[in-house]
Amino acid sequence: MASMTSRLWNKILIPLSLLFTITINAQQMTHGKVISADNQQPLAGATVLVKGTSKQTATDNSGAFHIESAAEDILVVSSVGFSSLEVKAGDANYVLMNTTTKNMT
């Protein structure tokens, strides 16, 4: 009986526990700053969303944001008056937003 438990542990439980550990470590906090490409001023209140999830946050008064994501996740950044932008989370240190040039008529 003890050897059967040992085999079960070695064949199933150890690989399963390793997979769980890898999954936990895949998520990290992504930190970045959203600024206007026009005047290099921070954009407060911009929305930062992890694409394909419900995870989102808003930038603070200095344009900074913090969101849990994997480095390969895509962040969708949007703000009123600016064109939405998609950026890889691992490359989101500084996000430059361009103003929208569409006519609203």
PDB file of N, CA and C in Angstrom:
ATOM      1  N   MET A   1       0.822  -1.198   0.000  1.00  0.00           N
ATOM      2  CA  MET A   1       0.000   0.000   0.000  1.00  0.00           C
ATOM      3  C   MET A   1       0.867   1.263   0.000  1.00  0.00           C
ATOM      4  N   ALA A   2       1.956   1.213   0.771  1.00  0.00           N
ATOM      5  CA  ALA A   2       2.840   2.372   0.835  1.00  0.00           C
ATOM      6  C   ALA A   2       3.497   2.635  -0.506  1.00  0.00           C
ATOM      7  N   SER A   3       3.876   1.578  -1.230  1.00  0.00           N
ATOM      8  CA  SER A   3       4.511   1.783  -2.535  1.00  0.00           C
ATOM      9  C   SER A   3       3.504   2.317  -3.548  1.00  0.00           C
ATOM     10  N   MET A   4       2.241   1.946  -3.441  1.00  0.00           N
ATOM     11  CA  MET A   4       1.211   2.462  -4.338  1.00  0.00           C
ATOM     12  C   MET A   4       1.007   3.960  -4.102  1.00  0.00           C
ATOM     13  N   THR A   5       1.000   4.369  -2.868  1.00  0.00           N
ATOM     14  CA  THR A   5       0.886   5.784  -2.523  1.00  0.00           C
ATOM     15  C   THR A   5       2.095   6.546  -3.029  1.00  0.00           C
ATOM     16  N   SER A   6       3.262   5.953  -2.897  1.00  0.00           N
ATOM     17  CA  SER A   6       4.490   6.588  -3.369  1.00  0.00           C
ATOM     18  C   SER A   6       4.468   6.760  -4.882  1.00  0.00           C
ATOM     19  N   ARG A   7       4.011   5.742  -5.610  1.00  0.00           N
ATOM     20  CA  ARG A   7       3.918   5.845  -7.075  1.00  0.00           C
ATOM     21  C   ARG A   7       2.908   6.909  -7.489  1.00  0.00           C
ATOM     22  N   LEU A   8       1.789   6.961  -6.794  1.00  0.00           N
ATOM     23  CA  LEU A   8       0.768   7.972  -7.077  1.00  0.00           C
ATOM     24  C   LEU A   8       1.351   9.372  -6.871  1.00  0.00           C
ATOM     25  N   TRP A   9       2.072   9.544  -5.793  1.00  0.00           N
ATOM     26  CA  TRP A   9       2.702  10.827  -5.500  1.00  0.00           C
ATOM     27  C   TRP A   9       3.684  11.223  -6.604  1.00  0.00           C
ATOM     28  N   ASN A  10       4.536  10.300  -7.000  1.00  0.00           N
ATOM     29  CA  ASN A  10       5.564  10.567  -8.009  1.00  0.00           C
ATOM     30  C   ASN A  10       4.984  10.803  -9.401  1.00  0.00           C
ATOM     31  N   LYS A  11       3.932  10.109  -9.763  1.00  0.00           N
ATOM     32  CA  LYS A  11       3.398  10.190 -11.125  1.00  0.00           C
ATOM     33  C   LYS A  11       2.341  11.269 -11.303  1.00  0.00           C
ATOM     34  N   ILE A  12       1.628  11.602 -10.276  1.00  0.00           N
ATOM     35  CA  ILE A  12       0.517  12.545 -10.436  1.00  0.00           C
ATOM     36  C   ILE A  12       0.683  13.813  -9.603  1.00  0.00           C
ATOM     37  N   LEU A  13       0.868  13.659  -8.337  1.00  0.00           N
ATOM     38  CA  LEU A  13       0.834  14.814  -7.447  1.00  0.00           C
ATOM     39  C   LEU A  13       2.033  15.743  -7.607  1.00  0.00           C
ATOM     40  N   ILE A  14       3.219  15.220  -7.799  1.00  0.00           N
ATOM     41  CA  ILE A  14       4.394  16.089  -7.978  1.00  0.00           C
ATOM     42  C   ILE A  14       4.269  16.908  -9.261  1.00  0.00           C
ATOM     43  N   PRO A  15       3.989  16.296 -10.433  1.00  0.00           N
ATOM     44  CA  PRO A  15       3.821  17.119 -11.645  1.00  0.00           C
ATOM     45  C   PRO A  15       2.684  18.132 -11.517  1.00  0.00           C
ATOM     46  N   LEU A  16       1.597  17.736 -10.866  1.00  0.00           N
ATOM     47  CA  LEU A  16       0.476  18.657 -10.683  1.00  0.00           C
ATOM     48  C   LEU A  16       0.870  19.839  -9.811  1.00  0.00           C
ATOM     49  N   SER A  17       1.629  19.588  -8.751  1.00  0.00           N
ATOM     50  CA  SER A  17       2.057  20.683  -7.880  1.00  0.00           C
ATOM     51  C   SER A  17       3.041  21.599  -8.603  1.00  0.00           C
ATOM     52  N   LEU A  18       3.895  21.046  -9.469  1.00  0.00           N
ATOM     53  CA  LEU A  18       4.817  21.878 -10.251  1.00  0.00           C
ATOM     54  C   LEU A  18       4.048  22.758 -11.236  1.00  0.00           C
ATOM     55  N   LEU A  19       3.042  22.208 -11.875  1.00  0.00           N
ATOM     56  CA  LEU A  19       2.219  22.988 -12.796  1.00  0.00           C
ATOM     57  C   LEU A  19       1.537  24.135 -12.060  1.00  0.00           C
ATOM     58  N   PHE A  20       1.020  23.872 -10.881  1.00  0.00           N
ATOM     59  CA  PHE A  20       0.375  24.913 -10.088  1.00  0.00           C
ATOM     60  C   PHE A  20       1.361  26.015  -9.729  1.00  0.00           C
ATOM     61  N   THR A  21       2.583  25.663  -9.371  1.00  0.00           N
ATOM     62  CA  THR A  21       3.615  26.650  -9.036  1.00  0.00           C
ATOM     63  C   THR A  21       3.965  27.501 -10.242  1.00  0.00           C
ATOM     64  N   ILE A  22       4.099  26.892 -11.405  1.00  0.00           N
ATOM     65  CA  ILE A  22       4.416  27.641 -12.622  1.00  0.00           C
ATOM     66  C   ILE A  22       3.298  28.614 -12.954  1.00  0.00           C
ATOM     67  N   THR A  23       2.053  28.193 -12.807  1.00  0.00           N
ATOM     68  CA  THR A  23       0.912  29.060 -13.090  1.00  0.00           C
ATOM     69  C   THR A  23       0.897  30.278 -12.163  1.00  0.00           C
ATOM     70  N   ILE A  24       1.169  30.072 -10.904  1.00  0.00           N
ATOM     71  CA  ILE A  24       1.193  31.182  -9.952  1.00  0.00           C
ATOM     72  C   ILE A  24       2.300  32.169 -10.307  1.00  0.00           C
ATOM     73  N   ASN A  25       3.467  31.699 -10.664  1.00  0.00           N
ATOM     74  CA  ASN A  25       4.593  32.566 -10.961  1.00  0.00           C
ATOM     75  C   ASN A  25       4.457  33.296 -12.288  1.00  0.00           C
ATOM     76  N   ALA A  26       3.560  32.857 -13.159  1.00  0.00           N
ATOM     77  CA  ALA A  26       3.400  33.492 -14.465  1.00  0.00           C
ATOM     78  C   ALA A  26       2.790  34.891 -14.338  1.00  0.00           C
ATOM     79  N   GLN A  27       2.035  35.138 -13.299  1.00  0.00           N
ATOM     80  CA  GLN A  27       1.413  36.435 -13.098  1.00  0.00           C
ATOM     81  C   GLN A  27       2.355  37.337 -12.303  1.00  0.00           C
ATOM     82  N   GLN A  28       2.405  38.603 -12.702  1.00  0.00           N
ATOM     83  CA  GLN A  28       3.249  39.569 -12.010  1.00  0.00           C
ATOM     84  C   GLN A  28       2.546  40.915 -12.042  1.00  0.00           C
ATOM     85  N   MET A  29       3.070  41.850 -11.318  1.00  0.00           N
ATOM     86  CA  MET A  29       2.529  43.204 -11.371  1.00  0.00           C
ATOM     87  C   MET A  29       3.240  43.965 -12.476  1.00  0.00           C
ATOM     88  N   THR A  30       2.460  44.496 -13.392  1.00  0.00           N
ATOM     89  CA  THR A  30       2.998  45.336 -14.454  1.00  0.00           C
ATOM     90  C   THR A  30       2.826  46.779 -14.017  1.00  0.00           C
ATOM     91  N   HIS A  31       3.895  47.538 -14.071  1.00  0.00           N
ATOM     92  CA  HIS A  31       3.878  48.950 -13.698  1.00  0.00           C
ATOM     93  C   HIS A  31       4.191  49.763 -14.943  1.00  0.00           C
ATOM     94  N   GLY A  32       3.489  50.850 -15.129  1.00  0.00           N
ATOM     95  CA  GLY A  32       3.767  51.686 -16.287  1.00  0.00           C
ATOM     96  C   GLY A  32       3.228  53.087 -16.098  1.00  0.00           C
ATOM     97  N   LYS A  33       3.414  53.897 -17.117  1.00  0.00           N
ATOM     98  CA  LYS A  33       2.959  55.277 -17.085  1.00  0.00           C
ATOM     99  C   LYS A  33       2.396  55.632 -18.455  1.00  0.00           C
ATOM    100  N   VAL A  34       1.226  56.263 -18.467  1.00  0.00           N
ATOM    101  CA  VAL A  34       0.577  56.663 -19.710  1.00  0.00           C
ATOM    102  C   VAL A  34       0.734  58.170 -19.857  1.00  0.00           C
ATOM    103  N   ILE A  35       1.293  58.580 -20.989  1.00  0.00           N
ATOM    104  CA  ILE A  35       1.508  60.000 -21.226  1.00  0.00           C
ATOM    105  C   ILE A  35       1.027  60.392 -22.621  1.00  0.00           C
ATOM    106  N   SER A  36       0.712  61.661 -22.774  1.00  0.00           N
ATOM    107  CA  SER A  36       0.281  62.203 -24.058  1.00  0.00           C
ATOM    108  C   SER A  36       1.487  62.353 -24.978  1.00  0.00           C
ATOM    109  N   ALA A  37       1.358  61.873 -26.216  1.00  0.00           N
ATOM    110  CA  ALA A  37       2.440  62.025 -27.189  1.00  0.00           C
ATOM    111  C   ALA A  37       2.579  63.486 -27.614  1.00  0.00           C
ATOM    112  N   ASP A  38       1.506  64.269 -27.488  1.00  0.00           N
ATOM    113  CA  ASP A  38       1.526  65.667 -27.914  1.00  0.00           C
ATOM    114  C   ASP A  38       2.379  66.558 -27.021  1.00  0.00           C
ATOM    115  N   ASN A  39       2.210  66.406 -25.704  1.00  0.00           N
ATOM    116  CA  ASN A  39       2.902  67.331 -24.795  1.00  0.00           C
ATOM    117  C   ASN A  39       3.668  66.632 -23.673  1.00  0.00           C
ATOM    118  N   GLN A  40       3.763  65.320 -23.727  1.00  0.00           N
ATOM    119  CA  GLN A  40       4.480  64.503 -22.740  1.00  0.00           C
ATOM    120  C   GLN A  40       3.952  64.683 -21.312  1.00  0.00           C
ATOM    121  N   GLN A  41       2.692  65.061 -21.183  1.00  0.00           N
ATOM    122  CA  GLN A  41       2.055  65.193 -19.876  1.00  0.00           C
ATOM    123  C   GLN A  41       1.373  63.874 -19.504  1.00  0.00           C
ATOM    124  N   PRO A  42       1.348  63.525 -18.214  1.00  0.00           N
ATOM    125  CA  PRO A  42       0.691  62.288 -17.786  1.00  0.00           C
ATOM    126  C   PRO A  42      -0.815  62.342 -18.036  1.00  0.00           C
ATOM    127  N   LEU A  43      -1.400  61.183 -18.337  1.00  0.00           N
ATOM    128  CA  LEU A  43      -2.845  61.092 -18.550  1.00  0.00           C
ATOM    129  C   LEU A  43      -3.492  60.423 -17.345  1.00  0.00           C
ATOM    130  N   ALA A  44      -4.152  61.216 -16.531  1.00  0.00           N
ATOM    131  CA  ALA A  44      -4.873  60.694 -15.371  1.00  0.00           C
ATOM    132  C   ALA A  44      -6.210  60.132 -15.839  1.00  0.00           C
ATOM    133  N   GLY A  45      -6.626  59.020 -15.256  1.00  0.00           N
ATOM    134  CA  GLY A  45      -7.930  58.440 -15.553  1.00  0.00           C
ATOM    135  C   GLY A  45      -7.985  57.589 -16.810  1.00  0.00           C
ATOM    136  N   ALA A  46      -6.852  57.315 -17.440  1.00  0.00           N
ATOM    137  CA  ALA A  46      -6.843  56.412 -18.606  1.00  0.00           C
ATOM    138  C   ALA A  46      -7.141  54.998 -18.113  1.00  0.00           C
ATOM    139  N   THR A  47      -7.842  54.231 -18.919  1.00  0.00           N
ATOM    140  CA  THR A  47      -8.178  52.856 -18.570  1.00  0.00           C
ATOM    141  C   THR A  47      -7.128  51.911 -19.141  1.00  0.00           C
ATOM    142  N   VAL A  48      -6.673  50.982 -18.312  1.00  0.00           N
ATOM    143  CA  VAL A  48      -5.723  49.951 -18.730  1.00  0.00           C
ATOM    144  C   VAL A  48      -6.392  48.606 -18.454  1.00  0.00           C
ATOM    145  N   LEU A  49      -6.576  47.810 -19.511  1.00  0.00           N
ATOM    146  CA  LEU A  49      -7.299  46.553 -19.440  1.00  0.00           C
ATOM    147  C   LEU A  49      -6.423  45.434 -19.976  1.00  0.00           C
ATOM    148  N   VAL A  50      -6.409  44.289 -19.280  1.00  0.00           N
ATOM    149  CA  VAL A  50      -5.722  43.105 -19.798  1.00  0.00           C
ATOM    150  C   VAL A  50      -6.682  42.468 -20.794  1.00  0.00           C
ATOM    151  N   LYS A  51      -6.291  42.455 -22.072  1.00  0.00           N
ATOM    152  CA  LYS A  51      -7.152  41.971 -23.153  1.00  0.00           C
ATOM    153  C   LYS A  51      -7.592  40.526 -22.896  1.00  0.00           C
ATOM    154  N   GLY A  52      -8.887  40.284 -23.098  1.00  0.00           N
ATOM    155  CA  GLY A  52      -9.434  38.946 -22.922  1.00  0.00           C
ATOM    156  C   GLY A  52      -9.768  38.579 -21.493  1.00  0.00           C
ATOM    157  N   THR A  53      -9.644  39.543 -20.570  1.00  0.00           N
ATOM    158  CA  THR A  53      -9.961  39.297 -19.164  1.00  0.00           C
ATOM    159  C   THR A  53     -10.839  40.434 -18.654  1.00  0.00           C
ATOM    160  N   SER A  54     -11.229  40.338 -17.408  1.00  0.00           N
ATOM    161  CA  SER A  54     -11.972  41.430 -16.773  1.00  0.00           C
ATOM    162  C   SER A  54     -11.059  42.299 -15.913  1.00  0.00           C
ATOM    163  N   LYS A  55      -9.755  42.036 -15.942  1.00  0.00           N
ATOM    164  CA  LYS A  55      -8.804  42.816 -15.140  1.00  0.00           C
ATOM    165  C   LYS A  55      -8.611  44.187 -15.773  1.00  0.00           C
ATOM    166  N   GLN A  56      -8.829  45.216 -14.976  1.00  0.00           N
ATOM    167  CA  GLN A  56      -8.593  46.570 -15.458  1.00  0.00           C
ATOM    168  C   GLN A  56      -8.288  47.496 -14.305  1.00  0.00           C
ATOM    169  N   THR A  57      -7.704  48.617 -14.652  1.00  0.00           N
ATOM    170  CA  THR A  57      -7.379  49.633 -13.661  1.00  0.00           C
ATOM    171  C   THR A  57      -7.408  50.987 -14.357  1.00  0.00           C
ATOM    172  N   ALA A  58      -7.244  52.037 -13.601  1.00  0.00           N
ATOM    173  CA  ALA A  58      -7.164  53.392 -14.159  1.00  0.00           C
ATOM    174  C   ALA A  58      -5.857  54.024 -13.690  1.00  0.00           C
ATOM    175  N   THR A  59      -5.338  54.913 -14.515  1.00  0.00           N
ATOM    176  CA  THR A  59      -4.108  55.609 -14.136  1.00  0.00           C
ATOM    177  C   THR A  59      -4.403  56.636 -13.055  1.00  0.00           C
ATOM    178  N   ASP A  60      -3.408  56.909 -12.225  1.00  0.00           N
ATOM    179  CA  ASP A  60      -3.559  57.914 -11.174  1.00  0.00           C
ATOM    180  C   ASP A  60      -3.229  59.302 -11.740  1.00  0.00           C
ATOM    181  N   ASN A  61      -3.148  60.300 -10.879  1.00  0.00           N
ATOM    182  CA  ASN A  61      -2.899  61.681 -11.329  1.00  0.00           C
ATOM    183  C   ASN A  61      -1.559  61.866 -12.027  1.00  0.00           C
ATOM    184  N   SER A  62      -0.609  60.965 -11.768  1.00  0.00           N
ATOM    185  CA  SER A  62       0.693  61.070 -12.433  1.00  0.00           C
ATOM    186  C   SER A  62       0.770  60.160 -13.666  1.00  0.00           C
ATOM    187  N   GLY A  63      -0.369  59.574 -14.063  1.00  0.00           N
ATOM    188  CA  GLY A  63      -0.413  58.702 -15.233  1.00  0.00           C
ATOM    189  C   GLY A  63       0.061  57.286 -14.963  1.00  0.00           C
ATOM    190  N   ALA A  64       0.392  56.980 -13.717  1.00  0.00           N
ATOM    191  CA  ALA A  64       0.930  55.661 -13.373  1.00  0.00           C
ATOM    192  C   ALA A  64      -0.189  54.639 -13.197  1.00  0.00           C
ATOM    193  N   PHE A  65       0.137  53.382 -13.542  1.00  0.00           N
ATOM    194  CA  PHE A  65      -0.793  52.281 -13.318  1.00  0.00           C
ATOM    195  C   PHE A  65      -0.039  51.052 -12.845  1.00  0.00           C
ATOM    196  N   HIS A  66      -0.778  50.157 -12.189  1.00  0.00           N
ATOM    197  CA  HIS A  66      -0.270  48.875 -11.704  1.00  0.00           C
ATOM    198  C   HIS A  66      -1.372  47.868 -11.975  1.00  0.00           C
ATOM    199  N   ILE A  67      -1.030  46.781 -12.661  1.00  0.00           N
ATOM    200  CA  ILE A  67      -2.037  45.762 -12.966  1.00  0.00           C
ATOM    201  C   ILE A  67      -1.379  44.392 -12.986  1.00  0.00           C
ATOM    202  N   GLU A  68      -2.093  43.389 -12.500  1.00  0.00           N
ATOM    203  CA  GLU A  68      -1.578  42.028 -12.507  1.00  0.00           C
ATOM    204  C   GLU A  68      -1.730  41.441 -13.895  1.00  0.00           C
ATOM    205  N   SER A  69      -0.614  41.026 -14.482  1.00  0.00           N
ATOM    206  CA  SER A  69      -0.635  40.432 -15.821  1.00  0.00           C
ATOM    207  C   SER A  69       0.648  39.662 -16.047  1.00  0.00           C
ATOM    208  N   ALA A  70       0.627  38.804 -17.041  1.00  0.00           N
ATOM    209  CA  ALA A  70       1.844  38.126 -17.476  1.00  0.00           C
ATOM    210  C   ALA A  70       2.550  39.036 -18.473  1.00  0.00           C
ATOM    211  N   ALA A  71       3.843  38.896 -18.600  1.00  0.00           N
ATOM    212  CA  ALA A  71       4.632  39.755 -19.487  1.00  0.00           C
ATOM    213  C   ALA A  71       4.151  39.680 -20.933  1.00  0.00           C
ATOM    214  N   GLU A  72       3.614  38.529 -21.336  1.00  0.00           N
ATOM    215  CA  GLU A  72       3.166  38.378 -22.722  1.00  0.00           C
ATOM    216  C   GLU A  72       1.716  38.805 -22.943  1.00  0.00           C
ATOM    217  N   ASP A  73       0.992  39.181 -21.893  1.00  0.00           N
ATOM    218  CA  ASP A  73      -0.385  39.667 -22.046  1.00  0.00           C
ATOM    219  C   ASP A  73      -0.407  40.969 -22.839  1.00  0.00           C
ATOM    220  N   ILE A  74      -1.526  41.222 -23.488  1.00  0.00           N
ATOM    221  CA  ILE A  74      -1.728  42.473 -24.215  1.00  0.00           C
ATOM    222  C   ILE A  74      -2.577  43.407 -23.351  1.00  0.00           C
ATOM    223  N   LEU A  75      -2.096  44.626 -23.164  1.00  0.00           N
ATOM    224  CA  LEU A  75      -2.849  45.654 -22.440  1.00  0.00           C
ATOM    225  C   LEU A  75      -3.521  46.566 -23.453  1.00  0.00           C
ATOM    226  N   VAL A  76      -4.786  46.882 -23.216  1.00  0.00           N
ATOM    227  CA  VAL A  76      -5.520  47.834 -24.038  1.00  0.00           C
ATOM    228  C   VAL A  76      -5.631  49.118 -23.221  1.00  0.00           C
ATOM    229  N   VAL A  77      -5.061  50.188 -23.746  1.00  0.00           N
ATOM    230  CA  VAL A  77      -5.038  51.470 -23.032  1.00  0.00           C
ATOM    231  C   VAL A  77      -5.952  52.430 -23.782  1.00  0.00           C
ATOM    232  N   SER A  78      -6.859  53.077 -23.048  1.00  0.00           N
ATOM    233  CA  SER A  78      -7.776  54.022 -23.684  1.00  0.00           C
ATOM    234  C   SER A  78      -8.028  55.212 -22.767  1.00  0.00           C
ATOM    235  N   SER A  79      -8.348  56.328 -23.406  1.00  0.00           N
ATOM    236  CA  SER A  79      -8.658  57.554 -22.672  1.00  0.00           C
ATOM    237  C   SER A  79      -9.483  58.449 -23.588  1.00  0.00           C
ATOM    238  N   VAL A  80     -10.401  59.200 -23.017  1.00  0.00           N
ATOM    239  CA  VAL A  80     -11.250  60.095 -23.794  1.00  0.00           C
ATOM    240  C   VAL A  80     -10.375  61.088 -24.556  1.00  0.00           C
ATOM    241  N   GLY A  81     -10.642  61.210 -25.867  1.00  0.00           N
ATOM    242  CA  GLY A  81      -9.900  62.142 -26.697  1.00  0.00           C
ATOM    243  C   GLY A  81      -8.611  61.580 -27.274  1.00  0.00           C
ATOM    244  N   PHE A  82      -8.330  60.304 -26.973  1.00  0.00           N
ATOM    245  CA  PHE A  82      -7.112  59.665 -27.450  1.00  0.00           C
ATOM    246  C   PHE A  82      -7.456  58.361 -28.158  1.00  0.00           C
ATOM    247  N   SER A  83      -6.642  57.984 -29.121  1.00  0.00           N
ATOM    248  CA  SER A  83      -6.817  56.707 -29.815  1.00  0.00           C
ATOM    249  C   SER A  83      -6.418  55.571 -28.885  1.00  0.00           C
ATOM    250  N   SER A  84      -7.240  54.513 -28.847  1.00  0.00           N
ATOM    251  CA  SER A  84      -6.902  53.336 -28.042  1.00  0.00           C
ATOM    252  C   SER A  84      -5.635  52.700 -28.586  1.00  0.00           C
ATOM    253  N   LEU A  85      -4.929  52.039 -27.700  1.00  0.00           N
ATOM    254  CA  LEU A  85      -3.637  51.467 -28.055  1.00  0.00           C
ATOM    255  C   LEU A  85      -3.500  50.109 -27.393  1.00  0.00           C
ATOM    256  N   GLU A  86      -2.944  49.138 -28.120  1.00  0.00           N
ATOM    257  CA  GLU A  86      -2.627  47.832 -27.543  1.00  0.00           C
ATOM    258  C   GLU A  86      -1.119  47.713 -27.436  1.00  0.00           C
ATOM    259  N   VAL A  87      -0.667  47.260 -26.276  1.00  0.00           N
ATOM    260  CA  VAL A  87       0.773  47.138 -26.022  1.00  0.00           C
ATOM    261  C   VAL A  87       1.025  45.873 -25.195  1.00  0.00           C
ATOM    262  N   LYS A  88       2.126  45.202 -25.473  1.00  0.00           N
ATOM    263  CA  LYS A  88       2.499  44.025 -24.702  1.00  0.00           C
ATOM    264  C   LYS A  88       2.843  44.467 -23.281  1.00  0.00           C
ATOM    265  N   ALA A  89       2.335  43.757 -22.283  1.00  0.00           N
ATOM    266  CA  ALA A  89       2.538  44.144 -20.883  1.00  0.00           C
ATOM    267  C   ALA A  89       4.018  44.286 -20.543  1.00  0.00           C
ATOM    268  N   GLY A  90       4.853  43.440 -21.095  1.00  0.00           N
ATOM    269  CA  GLY A  90       6.285  43.510 -20.835  1.00  0.00           C
ATOM    270  C   GLY A  90       6.947  44.754 -21.402  1.00  0.00           C
ATOM    271  N   ASP A  91       6.248  45.449 -22.317  1.00  0.00           N
ATOM    272  CA  ASP A  91       6.781  46.663 -22.954  1.00  0.00           C
ATOM    273  C   ASP A  91       6.030  47.922 -22.516  1.00  0.00           C
ATOM    274  N   ALA A  92       5.302  47.866 -21.413  1.00  0.00           N
ATOM    275  CA  ALA A  92       4.396  48.945 -21.035  1.00  0.00           C
ATOM    276  C   ALA A  92       4.975  49.933 -20.032  1.00  0.00           C
ATOM    277  N   ASN A  93       6.291  50.106 -19.987  1.00  0.00           N
ATOM    278  CA  ASN A  93       6.870  51.061 -19.042  1.00  0.00           C
ATOM    279  C   ASN A  93       6.350  52.470 -19.287  1.00  0.00           C
ATOM    280  N   TYR A  94       6.409  52.910 -20.550  1.00  0.00           N
ATOM    281  CA  TYR A  94       5.864  54.205 -20.938  1.00  0.00           C
ATOM    282  C   TYR A  94       4.971  53.993 -22.147  1.00  0.00           C
ATOM    283  N   VAL A  95       3.720  54.413 -22.037  1.00  0.00           N
ATOM    284  CA  VAL A  95       2.765  54.271 -23.126  1.00  0.00           C
ATOM    285  C   VAL A  95       2.430  55.670 -23.622  1.00  0.00           C
ATOM    286  N   LEU A  96       2.764  55.945 -24.876  1.00  0.00           N
ATOM    287  CA  LEU A  96       2.478  57.250 -25.485  1.00  0.00           C
ATOM    288  C   LEU A  96       1.144  57.181 -26.201  1.00  0.00           C
ATOM    289  N   MET A  97       0.206  58.044 -25.825  1.00  0.00           N
ATOM    290  CA  MET A  97      -1.129  58.066 -26.422  1.00  0.00           C
ATOM    291  C   MET A  97      -1.238  59.261 -27.383  1.00  0.00           C
ATOM    292  N   ASN A  98      -1.738  58.984 -28.581  1.00  0.00           N
ATOM    293  CA  ASN A  98      -1.965  60.037 -29.575  1.00  0.00           C
ATOM    294  C   ASN A  98      -3.409  60.514 -29.489  1.00  0.00           C
ATOM    295  N   THR A  99      -3.611  61.810 -29.712  1.00  0.00           N
ATOM    296  CA  THR A  99      -4.965  62.362 -29.685  1.00  0.00           C
ATOM    297  C   THR A  99      -5.752  61.827 -30.878  1.00  0.00           C
ATOM    298  N   THR A 100      -7.055  61.726 -30.694  1.00  0.00           N
ATOM    299  CA  THR A 100      -7.950  61.277 -31.748  1.00  0.00           C
ATOM    300  C   THR A 100      -8.134  62.408 -32.743  1.00  0.00           C
ATOM    301  N   THR A 101      -8.069  62.087 -34.023  1.00  0.00           N
ATOM    302  CA  THR A 101      -8.230  63.127 -35.050  1.00  0.00           C
ATOM    303  C   THR A 101      -9.521  62.948 -35.829  1.00  0.00           C
ATOM    304  N   LYS A 102     -10.412  62.031 -35.397  1.00  0.00           N
ATOM    305  CA  LYS A 102     -11.683  61.802 -36.087  1.00  0.00           C
ATOM    306  C   LYS A 102     -12.648  62.945 -35.817  1.00  0.00           C
ATOM    307  N   ASN A 103     -13.436  63.297 -36.833  1.00  0.00           N
ATOM    308  CA  ASN A 103     -14.510  64.263 -36.649  1.00  0.00           C
ATOM    309  C   ASN A 103     -15.669  63.570 -35.963  1.00  0.00           C
ATOM    310  N   MET A 104     -16.303  64.235 -35.039  1.00  0.00           N
ATOM    311  CA  MET A 104     -17.410  63.661 -34.285  1.00  0.00           C
ATOM    312  C   MET A 104     -18.749  64.121 -34.852  1.00  0.00           C
ATOM    313  N   THR A 105     -18.882  64.219 -36.159  1.00  0.00           N
ATOM    314  CA  THR A 105     -20.162  64.665 -36.756  1.00  0.00           C
ATOM    315  C   THR A 105     -20.945  63.530 -37.308  1.00  0.00           C
TER     316      THR A 105
END
